[in-house]
Protein backbone atom coordinates (compact mmCIF):
# COMPACT_ATOMS: atom_id res chain seq x y z
CA MET A 1 95.14 -95.21 -47.30
CA LYS A 2 91.73 -97.09 -47.85
CA GLN A 3 89.70 -93.94 -47.71
CA ALA A 4 91.68 -92.64 -50.40
CA GLY A 5 91.06 -95.89 -52.24
CA LEU A 6 87.48 -95.18 -51.97
CA PHE A 7 88.07 -92.04 -53.97
CA ILE A 8 90.11 -92.94 -56.68
CA PRO A 9 86.71 -94.02 -58.88
CA LEU A 10 84.94 -90.47 -58.58
CA VAL A 11 88.10 -88.99 -59.39
CA VAL A 12 88.79 -91.11 -62.42
CA PHE A 13 84.65 -91.19 -62.87
CA PHE A 14 84.32 -86.99 -62.71
CA ALA A 15 87.90 -86.47 -64.53
CA VAL A 16 86.78 -88.40 -67.50
CA PHE A 17 83.51 -86.77 -68.13
CA LEU A 18 85.52 -83.36 -67.90
CA THR A 19 87.43 -84.62 -70.30
CA THR A 20 85.13 -86.17 -72.44
CA GLY A 21 81.57 -84.44 -71.55
CA ASP A 22 80.34 -88.12 -72.08
CA ILE A 23 78.87 -90.17 -69.53
CA LEU A 24 79.62 -93.37 -71.45
CA PRO A 25 83.57 -93.43 -71.27
CA ALA A 26 83.55 -91.77 -68.07
CA THR A 27 80.78 -95.12 -67.20
CA ALA A 28 83.58 -97.28 -68.80
CA ALA A 29 86.28 -95.77 -66.73
CA ILE A 30 84.80 -96.28 -63.36
CA MET A 31 83.89 -99.81 -64.05
CA VAL A 32 87.35 -100.76 -65.38
CA ILE A 33 88.89 -98.77 -62.31
CA VAL A 34 86.71 -100.56 -59.48
CA THR A 35 87.43 -103.99 -61.00
CA ILE A 36 91.08 -103.09 -60.46
CA GLN A 37 90.26 -102.29 -57.47
CA VAL A 38 88.30 -105.28 -56.74
CA PHE A 39 91.34 -107.92 -58.01
CA TRP A 40 93.77 -106.05 -55.94
CA GLU A 41 91.97 -106.38 -53.04
CA LYS A 42 91.56 -109.92 -53.53
CA TYR A 43 95.09 -110.61 -54.39
CA ASN A 44 96.58 -108.37 -51.37
CA LYS A 45 93.89 -109.71 -48.24
CA GLY A 46 92.82 -112.92 -50.24
CA LYS A 47 89.10 -112.04 -49.56
CA VAL A 48 86.94 -108.41 -51.59
CA GLU A 49 85.47 -106.56 -48.62
CA GLN A 50 81.72 -106.91 -49.02
CA LYS A 51 80.52 -103.79 -49.30
CA LEU A 52 83.02 -103.26 -52.64
CA LEU A 53 81.60 -106.41 -53.80
CA ILE A 54 78.28 -105.13 -53.68
CA THR A 55 79.77 -101.89 -55.26
CA TRP A 56 81.39 -103.60 -58.31
CA ALA A 57 78.66 -106.37 -59.07
CA LEU A 58 75.46 -103.17 -59.14
CA LEU A 59 78.14 -101.34 -61.48
CA LEU A 60 78.91 -103.99 -63.67
CA VAL A 61 75.59 -104.69 -64.03
CA PHE A 62 74.19 -100.69 -64.70
CA GLY A 63 77.29 -99.68 -65.98
CA SER A 64 77.20 -102.64 -68.26
CA ALA A 65 73.40 -101.97 -69.29
CA THR A 66 74.29 -97.71 -69.44
CA LEU A 67 76.98 -99.17 -72.26
CA LEU A 68 74.90 -101.73 -74.00
CA PHE A 69 71.89 -98.80 -74.30
CA ARG A 70 73.55 -95.87 -74.97
CA ASP A 71 71.63 -95.08 -72.08
CA PRO A 72 72.52 -92.64 -68.63
CA ILE A 73 69.62 -93.65 -66.83
CA PHE A 74 70.98 -96.78 -65.94
CA ILE A 75 74.35 -95.29 -64.15
CA GLN A 76 72.33 -92.77 -62.71
CA TRP A 77 70.25 -95.79 -61.00
CA LYS A 78 72.89 -97.51 -59.28
CA VAL A 79 73.00 -94.54 -57.00
CA THR A 80 70.04 -94.89 -55.74
CA ILE A 81 69.75 -98.67 -55.91
CA VAL A 82 72.96 -99.20 -53.93
CA ASN A 83 72.40 -96.72 -51.15
CA LEU A 84 69.00 -97.96 -50.36
CA ILE A 85 70.73 -101.42 -50.59
CA PHE A 86 72.74 -100.42 -47.90
CA ALA A 87 70.20 -98.72 -45.78
CA CYS A 88 68.22 -101.81 -46.04
CA ALA A 89 71.17 -104.06 -44.74
CA LEU A 90 71.93 -102.09 -41.73
CA PHE A 91 68.39 -102.00 -40.91
CA VAL A 92 67.26 -105.52 -41.27
CA SER A 93 70.67 -105.91 -39.69
CA GLN A 94 69.64 -103.81 -36.28
CA VAL A 95 65.98 -105.27 -36.41
CA MET A 96 67.75 -109.27 -36.06
CA GLY A 97 70.10 -107.56 -33.30
CA LYS A 98 73.24 -107.15 -34.44
CA LYS A 99 75.26 -104.28 -34.55
CA PRO A 100 76.78 -103.29 -38.09
CA ILE A 101 78.06 -100.39 -37.11
CA LYS A 102 79.76 -101.42 -34.16
CA GLY A 103 81.63 -104.64 -35.55
CA LEU A 104 82.94 -101.64 -38.36
CA VAL A 105 84.22 -99.85 -35.74
CA GLU A 106 85.53 -102.64 -33.77
CA MET A 107 87.42 -103.63 -37.09
CA SER A 108 89.18 -100.24 -37.60
CA GLY A 109 90.46 -100.94 -33.99
CA ALA A 110 88.92 -97.45 -31.98
CA MET A 111 87.10 -99.35 -29.71
CA PRO A 112 85.24 -96.64 -27.42
CA ASN A 113 82.82 -98.15 -25.13
CA LEU A 114 79.37 -96.48 -25.56
CA PRO A 115 76.62 -98.00 -24.22
CA GLU A 116 74.31 -100.05 -26.77
CA ASN A 117 71.35 -97.60 -27.33
CA ALA A 118 74.16 -95.46 -28.89
CA TRP A 119 75.11 -98.07 -31.81
CA LYS A 120 71.65 -98.13 -31.98
CA ASN A 121 71.36 -94.56 -32.68
CA VAL A 122 74.58 -94.43 -34.27
CA THR A 123 73.09 -97.34 -37.03
CA TYR A 124 70.13 -95.35 -37.63
CA ILE A 125 71.86 -92.43 -38.35
CA TRP A 126 73.62 -94.35 -41.10
CA ILE A 127 69.96 -95.31 -41.82
CA VAL A 128 68.94 -92.65 -42.73
CA ALA A 129 72.13 -90.89 -44.49
CA PHE A 130 71.86 -93.64 -47.22
CA THR A 131 68.30 -93.08 -47.74
CA VAL A 132 68.62 -89.01 -48.29
CA ILE A 133 71.68 -90.02 -50.50
CA GLY A 134 69.73 -92.16 -52.62
CA ILE A 135 66.52 -90.29 -52.95
CA THR A 136 68.56 -87.18 -53.34
CA ASN A 137 69.76 -89.02 -56.18
CA LEU A 138 66.83 -89.35 -57.46
CA TYR A 139 65.77 -86.04 -57.99
CA PHE A 140 69.33 -85.07 -59.33
CA VAL A 141 68.64 -87.91 -61.97
CA PHE A 142 64.69 -86.27 -63.43
CA TYR A 143 64.95 -83.49 -63.15
CA THR A 144 67.81 -82.00 -64.01
CA ASP A 145 70.59 -82.25 -67.23
CA ILE A 146 73.88 -85.18 -67.11
CA SER A 147 76.43 -82.44 -66.07
CA THR A 148 74.24 -81.99 -62.93
CA TRP A 149 74.07 -85.07 -62.47
CA VAL A 150 77.28 -86.07 -62.16
CA ASN A 151 78.34 -83.17 -60.13
CA PHE A 152 75.83 -84.41 -56.98
CA LYS A 153 77.28 -87.75 -57.60
CA VAL A 154 80.83 -86.39 -57.00
CA PHE A 155 80.44 -84.13 -54.79
CA GLY A 156 76.71 -84.00 -53.57
CA THR A 157 77.11 -87.51 -52.03
CA ILE A 158 80.58 -86.69 -50.71
CA GLY A 159 79.01 -83.56 -48.98
CA ILE A 160 75.43 -85.48 -47.65
CA THR A 161 77.89 -87.74 -46.40
CA ILE A 162 80.37 -85.48 -44.74
CA VAL A 163 77.17 -83.85 -43.17
CA PHE A 164 76.23 -87.48 -41.58
CA ALA A 165 79.90 -87.81 -40.63
CA LEU A 166 79.27 -84.47 -38.42
CA ILE A 167 76.05 -85.78 -36.39
CA THR A 168 77.10 -89.04 -36.07
CA SER A 169 80.74 -87.09 -34.37
CA PHE A 170 78.67 -84.99 -32.83
CA TYR A 171 76.44 -87.03 -31.10
CA LEU A 172 79.12 -89.62 -30.03
CA SER A 173 81.01 -86.66 -28.39
CA SER A 174 78.44 -86.79 -25.73
CA PHE A 175 79.18 -89.77 -25.00
CA LEU A 176 82.37 -89.65 -25.08
CA ALA A 177 83.02 -86.83 -22.99
CA LYS A 178 80.61 -87.97 -20.21
CA ALA A 179 83.33 -91.16 -20.19
CA LYS A 180 86.27 -88.91 -19.90
CA VAL A 181 84.50 -87.29 -16.76
CA PRO A 182 85.95 -88.59 -13.28
CA PRO A 183 83.23 -89.81 -10.69
CA LYS A 184 82.83 -87.84 -8.05
CA GLN A 185 84.29 -89.02 -4.46
CA SER A 186 82.66 -88.64 -1.37
């Protein structure tokens, strides 16, 4: 259910943009939906996940600027800034000796027994993923029209995320396959 909640703002944003053809109502709609999500999570869990809180804060800042100045560039930049913040946060955590990806997996309850090097490499995979999304977004901001950018925001970012999830899965599968092979008995 939690994963489905991540897509609701995108669906609403895209639906409003498709029906109006205007980025301003779509921006207002996504701001309202994410605000509702934040309050819902606070009410139900007592706290708001840090990733959602960062995304919401930046959405309110850049979305408000988009609405105030009637210029989509602000909401377009948010995609790059959020993803680069996540990439930097993962990198800094990695350099400081923390294992943020391992922590996320532990919280989910699925804890494969992997070597520390594997966790480090998975973190680097996701640093690259967030960076690719952020930089690719800049291309769509500066070299395409608003409709093409909206399509990238909705479908391109999901596509890139799926590609990196598959890369991560294939990488981790080699470790999990080794763990299932019984040791040779002499």
